Amino acid sequence: MDAAIVRGELIVREGRDDKEFHFQRWVQARLGEAGINYDDPGRNSYPDLTLVDSPEGIEVKGLSTPGRDASFDGNSQVARPTHNGRTIFYAFGRYPASPEGNTFPVVDLVMVPGSFLNADDTYEHKNTSTRGFGSYGDILLRDRKMYVMPTPVALLGGVEGTRTLLLPAVDDPGDGFVQVGEVTRVEVENVMTGYAFDFATNHLSATYRRNPMAGRQHHFRAWRIARPEGLGAEVTMSNSVTQSA
């Protein structure tokens, strides 16, 4: 992906209504060029791409700039370190928000492990439902959760305009990579265990318990491919996103 951005390999969209999958197709083309076998599970599956020859998966997130690039939606699937025995990586690519045509460049790229976005590997998402809503008591109420998570663009400083790979500090990407920073995420004191919604007041309230892993630090190192033009800015944790609860 780094090499493709450097040589100017463009994203190709099928039309202005093609807003969701053009960057995913760009990533798929890069895997094909590299001879990396993958399965495309199809729409509304997680992760977007599963590698065949290694137990890894890639969730692809395209972000327009300028625009909403500080957070992204997890449609019924919160970010997690692994899924069905596969280590999950998230590939975030930014591209121009209002291109003149149907081809445009990848502005920058950040690839991070799911553990950087959420360290919890125990929670399993389930869509549930209950019947009895409405005047006649025959309406089914579905509890379909939407998770809104910060992107690496919001969490990290120094990633704009570059191609950056983030890995757990214990991992080494191999030859050709140069370390450009080290960052740490710290688990919060209390974690959410549930929520309730009051139909009369439209108020949603959450319940918490103490996190048994409170204060645990997760260390990551940032890497870039060595290029003649230089490595770019050092990667740091951003001060714009605060942790609460």
Foldseek 3Di string as FASTA:
>chain_A
DQVCQVVFPKFFAPDPVRDFCSVVVVVVVVCVVVVWAWDQPDPPDPARIATDPAQAGEREAEAEPPDPQFKDKDFQDQQEQHDPRHGYKYKYWYWHPDDPDRITGTQFIEIETSCVFPHDPPDDGDKDWDFQDDPVRGDIDIDGDMDMTTDCVNFKPFRGRYYKYKDFPVDDPDPQKDWQEKEKDFDAQKDWDAWDADPVVRDIDTDIDGDPRGGPMTMMIMIHGDDPVGHTHGMYTDPRDDDDD
